[in-house]
Amino acid sequence: MDTTAVERSAVESSAWPLRVEHARDGDVADIVALNNLFAPDGLTLHRSTAFVVSHLQDYQVVRGPDGALLGQVALDEYSPSLVELVSLAVAPDAQGHGLGQRLITAAESLARARGYPELFAISLAEPLFLRMGFHESTILRYPEKIARYRAISRSELSIGRKFCFAKSLTPTPTVG
């Protein structure tokens, strides 16, 4: 059986628990490779090794039983009160098994633990983010993101329709 089939059967098997954990130094090359697999289609922004190294403490990953990276997500801080969910990627053979949902939940938990009041994301995965309790927003609320897009490539603002999602991480006060 090839490695892909082993990973697929491991993801499908309930006997093997999927754990999301912090990325480690040895994950950098695999994170870059998985992220950049989706960059040509505009599903992720290209990430350099330097970016991943500087944000390694912000990456969460899911591994297969052999330790291979199956999925990842990261937080990218703009300020102490603003953070973006970035680099959400799941290996093609591991998609459709809830890894994206687990990774988003892990990113939310990390953002909450760090005290961010809100988490936002730019993605084409509208159904996934809406299912995860995010609401559709607008990139105009995040001028910091627009500035970063312009620094990377002006085309990032004009390629197709990008969806902006946001989720409050602070509890809503109850009246009564």
N, C-alpha and C. Protein backbone atom coordinates (compact mmCIF):
# COMPACT_ATOMS: atom_id res chain seq x y z
N MET A 1 0.85 -1.18 0.00
CA MET A 1 0.00 0.00 0.00
C MET A 1 0.89 1.23 0.00
N ASP A 2 0.55 2.23 -0.84
CA ASP A 2 1.37 3.43 -0.90
C ASP A 2 1.12 4.33 0.31
N THR A 3 2.02 5.29 0.53
CA THR A 3 1.93 6.19 1.68
C THR A 3 0.63 6.96 1.68
N THR A 4 0.18 7.40 0.51
CA THR A 4 -1.06 8.16 0.42
C THR A 4 -2.24 7.32 0.90
N ALA A 5 -2.29 6.08 0.50
CA ALA A 5 -3.38 5.20 0.92
C ALA A 5 -3.32 4.95 2.43
N VAL A 6 -2.12 4.85 2.99
CA VAL A 6 -1.98 4.67 4.43
C VAL A 6 -2.50 5.89 5.16
N GLU A 7 -2.10 7.10 4.69
CA GLU A 7 -2.58 8.32 5.32
C GLU A 7 -4.09 8.43 5.22
N ARG A 8 -4.64 8.11 4.05
CA ARG A 8 -6.08 8.20 3.86
C ARG A 8 -6.80 7.24 4.80
N SER A 9 -6.33 6.00 4.90
CA SER A 9 -7.01 5.04 5.78
C SER A 9 -6.84 5.45 7.24
N ALA A 10 -5.73 6.09 7.58
CA ALA A 10 -5.53 6.56 8.95
C ALA A 10 -6.50 7.68 9.28
N VAL A 11 -6.72 8.58 8.33
CA VAL A 11 -7.66 9.68 8.56
C VAL A 11 -9.06 9.13 8.70
N GLU A 12 -9.40 8.13 7.91
CA GLU A 12 -10.74 7.57 7.94
C GLU A 12 -10.96 6.66 9.15
N SER A 13 -9.90 6.18 9.75
CA SER A 13 -10.02 5.24 10.85
C SER A 13 -10.31 5.96 12.17
N SER A 14 -11.34 5.53 12.85
CA SER A 14 -11.64 6.13 14.15
C SER A 14 -10.71 5.60 15.23
N ALA A 15 -9.93 4.57 14.93
CA ALA A 15 -9.00 4.02 15.90
C ALA A 15 -7.79 4.93 16.10
N TRP A 16 -7.54 5.77 15.13
CA TRP A 16 -6.39 6.68 15.23
C TRP A 16 -6.89 8.07 15.55
N PRO A 17 -6.59 8.58 16.74
CA PRO A 17 -7.09 9.91 17.11
C PRO A 17 -6.31 11.03 16.41
N LEU A 18 -7.04 11.94 15.83
CA LEU A 18 -6.43 13.10 15.21
C LEU A 18 -6.19 14.15 16.28
N ARG A 19 -4.95 14.57 16.42
CA ARG A 19 -4.62 15.60 17.41
C ARG A 19 -4.05 16.81 16.70
N VAL A 20 -4.51 17.97 17.12
CA VAL A 20 -3.91 19.21 16.64
C VAL A 20 -2.90 19.61 17.70
N GLU A 21 -1.69 19.96 17.27
CA GLU A 21 -0.64 20.32 18.21
C GLU A 21 0.19 21.47 17.64
N HIS A 22 0.97 22.08 18.51
CA HIS A 22 1.85 23.15 18.05
C HIS A 22 2.90 22.60 17.10
N ALA A 23 3.23 23.38 16.10
CA ALA A 23 4.28 23.00 15.15
C ALA A 23 5.63 23.00 15.85
N ARG A 24 6.53 22.21 15.30
CA ARG A 24 7.90 22.09 15.84
C ARG A 24 8.90 22.57 14.80
N ASP A 25 10.13 22.79 15.25
CA ASP A 25 11.19 23.27 14.35
C ASP A 25 11.31 22.39 13.11
N GLY A 26 11.20 21.10 13.27
CA GLY A 26 11.34 20.18 12.14
C GLY A 26 10.20 20.22 11.15
N ASP A 27 9.14 20.99 11.44
CA ASP A 27 7.98 21.07 10.56
C ASP A 27 8.08 22.16 9.50
N VAL A 28 9.06 23.04 9.63
CA VAL A 28 9.10 24.24 8.78
C VAL A 28 9.01 23.91 7.29
N ALA A 29 9.85 23.03 6.79
CA ALA A 29 9.85 22.71 5.36
C ALA A 29 8.51 22.13 4.92
N ASP A 30 7.92 21.26 5.74
CA ASP A 30 6.64 20.66 5.38
C ASP A 30 5.51 21.69 5.40
N ILE A 31 5.55 22.62 6.35
CA ILE A 31 4.55 23.70 6.41
C ILE A 31 4.63 24.55 5.15
N VAL A 32 5.84 24.96 4.79
CA VAL A 32 6.02 25.77 3.58
C VAL A 32 5.50 25.01 2.36
N ALA A 33 5.86 23.74 2.23
CA ALA A 33 5.45 22.95 1.07
C ALA A 33 3.93 22.79 1.00
N LEU A 34 3.29 22.45 2.12
CA LEU A 34 1.84 22.27 2.11
C LEU A 34 1.14 23.58 1.82
N ASN A 35 1.53 24.64 2.47
CA ASN A 35 0.92 25.94 2.22
C ASN A 35 1.06 26.34 0.75
N ASN A 36 2.26 26.25 0.22
CA ASN A 36 2.54 26.73 -1.13
C ASN A 36 1.98 25.83 -2.23
N LEU A 37 1.53 24.64 -1.86
CA LEU A 37 0.84 23.77 -2.80
C LEU A 37 -0.43 24.46 -3.31
N PHE A 38 -1.06 25.26 -2.45
CA PHE A 38 -2.33 25.90 -2.79
C PHE A 38 -2.18 27.35 -3.25
N ALA A 39 -0.99 27.92 -3.16
CA ALA A 39 -0.76 29.32 -3.53
C ALA A 39 -1.00 29.61 -5.02
N PRO A 40 -0.59 28.74 -5.95
CA PRO A 40 -0.81 29.07 -7.37
C PRO A 40 -2.29 29.26 -7.72
N ASP A 41 -3.18 28.63 -6.99
CA ASP A 41 -4.62 28.77 -7.26
C ASP A 41 -5.25 29.90 -6.44
N GLY A 42 -4.43 30.63 -5.68
CA GLY A 42 -4.94 31.75 -4.88
C GLY A 42 -5.66 31.32 -3.61
N LEU A 43 -5.53 30.05 -3.22
CA LEU A 43 -6.21 29.57 -2.02
C LEU A 43 -5.43 29.90 -0.76
N THR A 44 -4.13 30.07 -0.87
CA THR A 44 -3.28 30.55 0.22
C THR A 44 -2.32 31.57 -0.38
N LEU A 45 -1.77 32.40 0.48
CA LEU A 45 -0.69 33.29 0.04
C LEU A 45 0.61 32.52 0.13
N HIS A 46 1.52 32.79 -0.79
CA HIS A 46 2.83 32.15 -0.74
C HIS A 46 3.50 32.46 0.60
N ARG A 47 4.09 31.45 1.21
CA ARG A 47 4.82 31.63 2.47
C ARG A 47 6.26 31.21 2.27
N SER A 48 7.17 32.05 2.75
CA SER A 48 8.59 31.74 2.68
C SER A 48 9.00 30.98 3.93
N THR A 49 10.15 30.36 3.86
CA THR A 49 10.71 29.70 5.03
C THR A 49 10.88 30.71 6.16
N ALA A 50 11.35 31.91 5.82
CA ALA A 50 11.56 32.96 6.84
C ALA A 50 10.25 33.32 7.54
N PHE A 51 9.14 33.40 6.78
CA PHE A 51 7.85 33.71 7.40
C PHE A 51 7.47 32.62 8.38
N VAL A 52 7.56 31.37 7.95
CA VAL A 52 7.16 30.26 8.82
C VAL A 52 8.04 30.20 10.06
N VAL A 53 9.34 30.35 9.90
CA VAL A 53 10.24 30.34 11.06
C VAL A 53 9.85 31.45 12.05
N SER A 54 9.57 32.64 11.54
CA SER A 54 9.24 33.76 12.43
C SER A 54 7.86 33.62 13.07
N HIS A 55 7.01 32.76 12.53
CA HIS A 55 5.66 32.55 13.06
C HIS A 55 5.46 31.13 13.60
N LEU A 56 6.52 30.38 13.76
CA LEU A 56 6.36 28.97 14.12
C LEU A 56 5.51 28.76 15.37
N GLN A 57 5.65 29.64 16.35
CA GLN A 57 4.86 29.51 17.58
C GLN A 57 3.37 29.75 17.34
N ASP A 58 3.03 30.26 16.15
CA ASP A 58 1.64 30.55 15.81
C ASP A 58 1.00 29.45 14.97
N TYR A 59 1.78 28.45 14.57
CA TYR A 59 1.27 27.36 13.73
C TYR A 59 0.77 26.19 14.58
N GLN A 60 -0.37 25.65 14.15
CA GLN A 60 -0.93 24.42 14.70
C GLN A 60 -0.95 23.42 13.54
N VAL A 61 -0.68 22.16 13.83
CA VAL A 61 -0.63 21.14 12.78
C VAL A 61 -1.36 19.87 13.20
N VAL A 62 -1.73 19.09 12.19
CA VAL A 62 -2.28 17.74 12.38
C VAL A 62 -1.33 16.81 11.64
N ARG A 63 -0.97 15.70 12.28
CA ARG A 63 -0.05 14.73 11.67
C ARG A 63 -0.76 13.39 11.44
N GLY A 64 -0.26 12.69 10.45
CA GLY A 64 -0.70 11.32 10.23
C GLY A 64 -0.01 10.41 11.21
N PRO A 65 -0.36 9.11 11.23
CA PRO A 65 0.25 8.18 12.19
C PRO A 65 1.75 8.02 11.99
N ASP A 66 2.22 8.34 10.78
CA ASP A 66 3.66 8.26 10.49
C ASP A 66 4.37 9.58 10.77
N GLY A 67 3.63 10.57 11.30
CA GLY A 67 4.21 11.88 11.61
C GLY A 67 4.15 12.87 10.47
N ALA A 68 3.68 12.43 9.29
CA ALA A 68 3.59 13.33 8.14
C ALA A 68 2.54 14.40 8.39
N LEU A 69 2.82 15.60 7.93
CA LEU A 69 1.91 16.73 8.10
C LEU A 69 0.69 16.54 7.20
N LEU A 70 -0.51 16.54 7.80
CA LEU A 70 -1.75 16.42 7.04
C LEU A 70 -2.47 17.75 6.91
N GLY A 71 -2.24 18.66 7.87
CA GLY A 71 -2.92 19.95 7.84
C GLY A 71 -2.25 20.95 8.75
N GLN A 72 -2.59 22.22 8.52
CA GLN A 72 -1.97 23.29 9.29
C GLN A 72 -2.84 24.54 9.29
N VAL A 73 -2.58 25.40 10.26
CA VAL A 73 -3.22 26.71 10.35
C VAL A 73 -2.30 27.58 11.20
N ALA A 74 -2.40 28.89 11.03
CA ALA A 74 -1.58 29.79 11.83
C ALA A 74 -2.37 31.05 12.17
N LEU A 75 -1.87 31.75 13.17
CA LEU A 75 -2.37 33.07 13.51
C LEU A 75 -1.33 34.08 13.06
N ASP A 76 -1.80 35.20 12.56
CA ASP A 76 -0.90 36.29 12.15
C ASP A 76 -1.39 37.56 12.83
N GLU A 77 -0.62 38.04 13.79
CA GLU A 77 -1.02 39.21 14.58
C GLU A 77 -0.70 40.51 13.85
N TYR A 78 -1.69 41.41 13.87
CA TYR A 78 -1.50 42.75 13.35
C TYR A 78 -1.25 43.72 14.50
N SER A 79 -1.92 43.48 15.61
CA SER A 79 -1.77 44.30 16.81
C SER A 79 -2.26 43.45 17.98
N PRO A 80 -2.08 43.92 19.21
CA PRO A 80 -2.57 43.12 20.34
C PRO A 80 -4.09 42.88 20.33
N SER A 81 -4.81 43.63 19.49
CA SER A 81 -6.26 43.43 19.44
C SER A 81 -6.75 42.90 18.09
N LEU A 82 -5.83 42.58 17.18
CA LEU A 82 -6.25 42.12 15.85
C LEU A 82 -5.37 40.97 15.37
N VAL A 83 -6.02 39.85 15.05
CA VAL A 83 -5.30 38.67 14.56
C VAL A 83 -6.09 38.03 13.42
N GLU A 84 -5.34 37.48 12.47
CA GLU A 84 -5.93 36.82 11.31
C GLU A 84 -5.60 35.34 11.34
N LEU A 85 -6.55 34.51 10.96
CA LEU A 85 -6.33 33.08 10.74
C LEU A 85 -5.76 32.96 9.33
N VAL A 86 -4.56 32.39 9.20
CA VAL A 86 -3.89 32.28 7.90
C VAL A 86 -3.38 30.86 7.68
N SER A 87 -2.97 30.61 6.46
CA SER A 87 -2.28 29.37 6.08
C SER A 87 -3.07 28.10 6.41
N LEU A 88 -4.38 28.19 6.37
CA LEU A 88 -5.20 26.99 6.56
C LEU A 88 -5.05 26.11 5.33
N ALA A 89 -4.50 24.93 5.53
CA ALA A 89 -4.27 24.01 4.41
C ALA A 89 -4.36 22.58 4.91
N VAL A 90 -5.02 21.74 4.11
CA VAL A 90 -5.12 20.31 4.41
C VAL A 90 -4.65 19.57 3.17
N ALA A 91 -3.78 18.59 3.37
CA ALA A 91 -3.25 17.80 2.25
C ALA A 91 -4.41 17.26 1.42
N PRO A 92 -4.29 17.28 0.10
CA PRO A 92 -5.40 16.85 -0.76
C PRO A 92 -5.99 15.49 -0.38
N ASP A 93 -5.17 14.51 -0.06
CA ASP A 93 -5.68 13.18 0.27
C ASP A 93 -6.31 13.11 1.65
N ALA A 94 -6.19 14.15 2.45
CA ALA A 94 -6.77 14.16 3.79
C ALA A 94 -7.99 15.07 3.87
N GLN A 95 -8.37 15.68 2.77
CA GLN A 95 -9.52 16.59 2.78
C GLN A 95 -10.83 15.82 2.88
N GLY A 96 -11.83 16.49 3.43
CA GLY A 96 -13.16 15.90 3.54
C GLY A 96 -13.36 15.06 4.79
N HIS A 97 -12.46 15.18 5.76
CA HIS A 97 -12.55 14.38 6.98
C HIS A 97 -12.58 15.24 8.24
N GLY A 98 -12.90 16.51 8.08
CA GLY A 98 -13.04 17.39 9.25
C GLY A 98 -11.76 18.01 9.77
N LEU A 99 -10.64 17.84 9.07
CA LEU A 99 -9.38 18.42 9.56
C LEU A 99 -9.43 19.94 9.54
N GLY A 100 -10.02 20.52 8.51
CA GLY A 100 -10.13 21.98 8.44
C GLY A 100 -10.89 22.53 9.63
N GLN A 101 -11.98 21.87 10.00
CA GLN A 101 -12.77 22.30 11.16
C GLN A 101 -11.95 22.21 12.44
N ARG A 102 -11.22 21.11 12.60
CA ARG A 102 -10.39 20.95 13.80
C ARG A 102 -9.30 22.02 13.87
N LEU A 103 -8.72 22.33 12.73
CA LEU A 103 -7.66 23.34 12.70
C LEU A 103 -8.21 24.73 13.00
N ILE A 104 -9.38 25.05 12.47
CA ILE A 104 -10.00 26.35 12.77
C ILE A 104 -10.31 26.44 14.26
N THR A 105 -10.85 25.37 14.83
CA THR A 105 -11.14 25.35 16.27
C THR A 105 -9.85 25.56 17.08
N ALA A 106 -8.76 24.93 16.67
CA ALA A 106 -7.48 25.09 17.37
C ALA A 106 -6.98 26.53 17.26
N ALA A 107 -7.13 27.14 16.09
CA ALA A 107 -6.71 28.53 15.92
C ALA A 107 -7.54 29.46 16.80
N GLU A 108 -8.85 29.20 16.86
CA GLU A 108 -9.72 29.99 17.73
C GLU A 108 -9.29 29.86 19.19
N SER A 109 -9.01 28.64 19.62
CA SER A 109 -8.59 28.41 21.01
C SER A 109 -7.30 29.13 21.32
N LEU A 110 -6.35 29.09 20.41
CA LEU A 110 -5.09 29.79 20.61
C LEU A 110 -5.30 31.30 20.66
N ALA A 111 -6.14 31.81 19.77
CA ALA A 111 -6.43 33.25 19.77
C ALA A 111 -7.12 33.67 21.07
N ARG A 112 -8.05 32.86 21.54
CA ARG A 112 -8.72 33.15 22.83
C ARG A 112 -7.71 33.15 23.97
N ALA A 113 -6.86 32.13 24.01
CA ALA A 113 -5.86 32.01 25.07
C ALA A 113 -4.92 33.21 25.07
N ARG A 114 -4.68 33.77 23.91
CA ARG A 114 -3.80 34.94 23.81
C ARG A 114 -4.54 36.26 24.03
N GLY A 115 -5.85 36.18 24.23
CA GLY A 115 -6.63 37.35 24.59
C GLY A 115 -7.11 38.22 23.44
N TYR A 116 -7.13 37.70 22.23
CA TYR A 116 -7.64 38.50 21.11
C TYR A 116 -9.16 38.56 21.19
N PRO A 117 -9.75 39.73 20.95
CA PRO A 117 -11.21 39.84 21.02
C PRO A 117 -11.93 39.34 19.78
N GLU A 118 -11.20 39.23 18.66
CA GLU A 118 -11.81 38.84 17.39
C GLU A 118 -10.78 38.13 16.53
N LEU A 119 -11.28 37.24 15.69
CA LEU A 119 -10.44 36.53 14.73
C LEU A 119 -11.06 36.75 13.36
N PHE A 120 -10.23 37.10 12.37
CA PHE A 120 -10.78 37.23 11.02
C PHE A 120 -9.97 36.37 10.06
N ALA A 121 -10.57 36.09 8.92
CA ALA A 121 -9.94 35.26 7.90
C ALA A 121 -10.40 35.72 6.52
N ILE A 122 -9.51 35.60 5.56
CA ILE A 122 -9.84 35.83 4.16
C ILE A 122 -9.74 34.46 3.49
N SER A 123 -10.84 34.02 2.90
CA SER A 123 -10.86 32.67 2.36
C SER A 123 -11.93 32.55 1.29
N LEU A 124 -11.78 31.55 0.46
CA LEU A 124 -12.81 31.19 -0.51
C LEU A 124 -13.69 30.07 0.02
N ALA A 125 -13.40 29.57 1.23
CA ALA A 125 -14.13 28.45 1.83
C ALA A 125 -15.33 28.96 2.63
N GLU A 126 -16.23 29.63 1.94
CA GLU A 126 -17.38 30.24 2.60
C GLU A 126 -18.19 29.26 3.45
N PRO A 127 -18.59 28.10 2.91
CA PRO A 127 -19.41 27.19 3.73
C PRO A 127 -18.70 26.74 5.01
N LEU A 128 -17.40 26.49 4.93
CA LEU A 128 -16.64 26.04 6.10
C LEU A 128 -16.65 27.10 7.19
N PHE A 129 -16.31 28.32 6.86
CA PHE A 129 -16.24 29.36 7.88
C PHE A 129 -17.62 29.70 8.45
N LEU A 130 -18.65 29.71 7.63
CA LEU A 130 -20.00 29.97 8.14
C LEU A 130 -20.43 28.84 9.08
N ARG A 131 -20.11 27.61 8.71
CA ARG A 131 -20.43 26.46 9.56
C ARG A 131 -19.71 26.54 10.91
N MET A 132 -18.54 27.17 10.93
CA MET A 132 -17.73 27.27 12.14
C MET A 132 -18.09 28.50 12.99
N GLY A 133 -19.20 29.15 12.66
CA GLY A 133 -19.69 30.25 13.48
C GLY A 133 -19.14 31.62 13.13
N PHE A 134 -18.40 31.73 12.04
CA PHE A 134 -17.94 33.04 11.58
C PHE A 134 -19.08 33.71 10.83
N HIS A 135 -19.05 35.01 10.75
CA HIS A 135 -20.02 35.72 9.92
C HIS A 135 -19.27 36.43 8.80
N GLU A 136 -19.98 36.63 7.69
CA GLU A 136 -19.34 37.32 6.58
C GLU A 136 -19.14 38.78 6.98
N SER A 137 -17.98 39.29 6.67
CA SER A 137 -17.60 40.65 7.00
C SER A 137 -17.07 41.30 5.72
N THR A 138 -16.29 42.34 5.87
CA THR A 138 -15.68 42.99 4.72
C THR A 138 -14.23 43.32 5.03
N ILE A 139 -13.39 43.18 4.05
CA ILE A 139 -11.97 43.49 4.22
C ILE A 139 -11.77 44.97 4.55
N LEU A 140 -12.75 45.79 4.22
CA LEU A 140 -12.66 47.22 4.51
C LEU A 140 -12.56 47.49 6.01
N ARG A 141 -13.00 46.55 6.82
CA ARG A 141 -12.87 46.68 8.29
C ARG A 141 -11.43 46.50 8.74
N TYR A 142 -10.58 45.99 7.85
CA TYR A 142 -9.21 45.64 8.22
C TYR A 142 -8.20 46.34 7.30
N PRO A 143 -8.02 47.64 7.47
CA PRO A 143 -7.07 48.35 6.60
C PRO A 143 -5.65 47.80 6.71
N GLU A 144 -5.33 47.18 7.83
CA GLU A 144 -4.00 46.56 7.99
C GLU A 144 -3.83 45.41 6.98
N LYS A 145 -4.88 44.66 6.75
CA LYS A 145 -4.84 43.56 5.78
C LYS A 145 -4.71 44.11 4.36
N ILE A 146 -5.44 45.15 4.06
CA ILE A 146 -5.36 45.76 2.74
C ILE A 146 -3.93 46.23 2.48
N ALA A 147 -3.31 46.85 3.48
CA ALA A 147 -1.93 47.32 3.33
C ALA A 147 -0.98 46.15 3.08
N ARG A 148 -1.19 45.04 3.76
CA ARG A 148 -0.32 43.86 3.53
C ARG A 148 -0.53 43.30 2.14
N TYR A 149 -1.79 43.23 1.69
CA TYR A 149 -2.05 42.75 0.33
C TYR A 149 -1.32 43.62 -0.68
N ARG A 150 -1.41 44.93 -0.49
CA ARG A 150 -0.74 45.84 -1.43
C ARG A 150 0.77 45.65 -1.42
N ALA A 151 1.33 45.35 -0.26
CA ALA A 151 2.78 45.13 -0.17
C ALA A 151 3.18 43.82 -0.86
N ILE A 152 2.29 42.82 -0.86
CA ILE A 152 2.58 41.52 -1.47
C ILE A 152 2.32 41.59 -2.97
N SER A 153 1.09 41.98 -3.31
CA SER A 153 0.69 42.03 -4.71
C SER A 153 -0.65 42.73 -4.80
N ARG A 154 -0.70 43.79 -5.59
CA ARG A 154 -1.97 44.53 -5.75
C ARG A 154 -3.06 43.62 -6.30
N SER A 155 -2.68 42.57 -7.03
CA SER A 155 -3.69 41.68 -7.62
C SER A 155 -4.45 40.89 -6.55
N GLU A 156 -3.89 40.74 -5.35
CA GLU A 156 -4.59 40.01 -4.29
C GLU A 156 -5.92 40.68 -3.94
N LEU A 157 -6.02 41.98 -4.15
CA LEU A 157 -7.26 42.69 -3.86
C LEU A 157 -8.27 42.58 -4.99
N SER A 158 -7.84 42.16 -6.16
CA SER A 158 -8.74 42.17 -7.31
C SER A 158 -9.01 40.80 -7.92
N ILE A 159 -8.31 39.75 -7.47
CA ILE A 159 -8.53 38.42 -8.05
C ILE A 159 -9.82 37.83 -7.50
N GLY A 160 -10.81 37.69 -8.35
CA GLY A 160 -12.05 37.05 -7.95
C GLY A 160 -12.67 37.68 -6.71
N ARG A 161 -13.62 37.02 -6.15
CA ARG A 161 -14.27 37.51 -4.94
C ARG A 161 -13.67 36.79 -3.75
N LYS A 162 -13.03 37.54 -2.90
CA LYS A 162 -12.50 36.97 -1.67
C LYS A 162 -13.53 37.21 -0.58
N PHE A 163 -13.73 36.22 0.23
CA PHE A 163 -14.66 36.35 1.34
C PHE A 163 -13.89 36.71 2.59
N CYS A 164 -14.43 37.61 3.35
CA CYS A 164 -13.85 37.99 4.63
C CYS A 164 -14.81 37.50 5.71
N PHE A 165 -14.26 36.81 6.69
CA PHE A 165 -15.06 36.26 7.77
C PHE A 165 -14.50 36.76 9.10
N ALA A 166 -15.37 36.94 10.06
CA ALA A 166 -14.93 37.38 11.38
C ALA A 166 -15.72 36.62 12.44
N LYS A 167 -15.10 36.48 13.60
CA LYS A 167 -15.76 35.82 14.72
C LYS A 167 -15.31 36.49 16.00
N SER A 168 -16.28 36.91 16.79
CA SER A 168 -15.98 37.48 18.10
C SER A 168 -15.52 36.37 19.03
N LEU A 169 -14.46 36.64 19.75
CA LEU A 169 -13.93 35.64 20.67
C LEU A 169 -14.22 36.00 22.12
N THR A 170 -14.87 37.13 22.32
CA THR A 170 -15.23 37.51 23.68
C THR A 170 -16.67 37.11 23.93
N PRO A 171 -16.95 36.67 25.15
CA PRO A 171 -18.32 36.27 25.45
C PRO A 171 -19.27 37.46 25.34
N THR A 172 -20.44 37.19 24.82
CA THR A 172 -21.47 38.21 24.75
C THR A 172 -22.14 38.30 26.12
N PRO A 173 -22.19 39.51 26.71
CA PRO A 173 -22.83 39.63 28.02
C PRO A 173 -24.31 39.29 27.95
N THR A 174 -24.80 38.59 28.95
CA THR A 174 -26.22 38.27 29.00
C THR A 174 -26.94 39.30 29.85
N VAL A 175 -28.11 39.64 29.41
CA VAL A 175 -28.93 40.61 30.14
C VAL A 175 -29.94 39.84 30.96
N GLY A 176 -30.08 40.25 32.22
CA GLY A 176 -31.12 39.59 32.97
C GLY A 176 -30.76 39.40 34.34
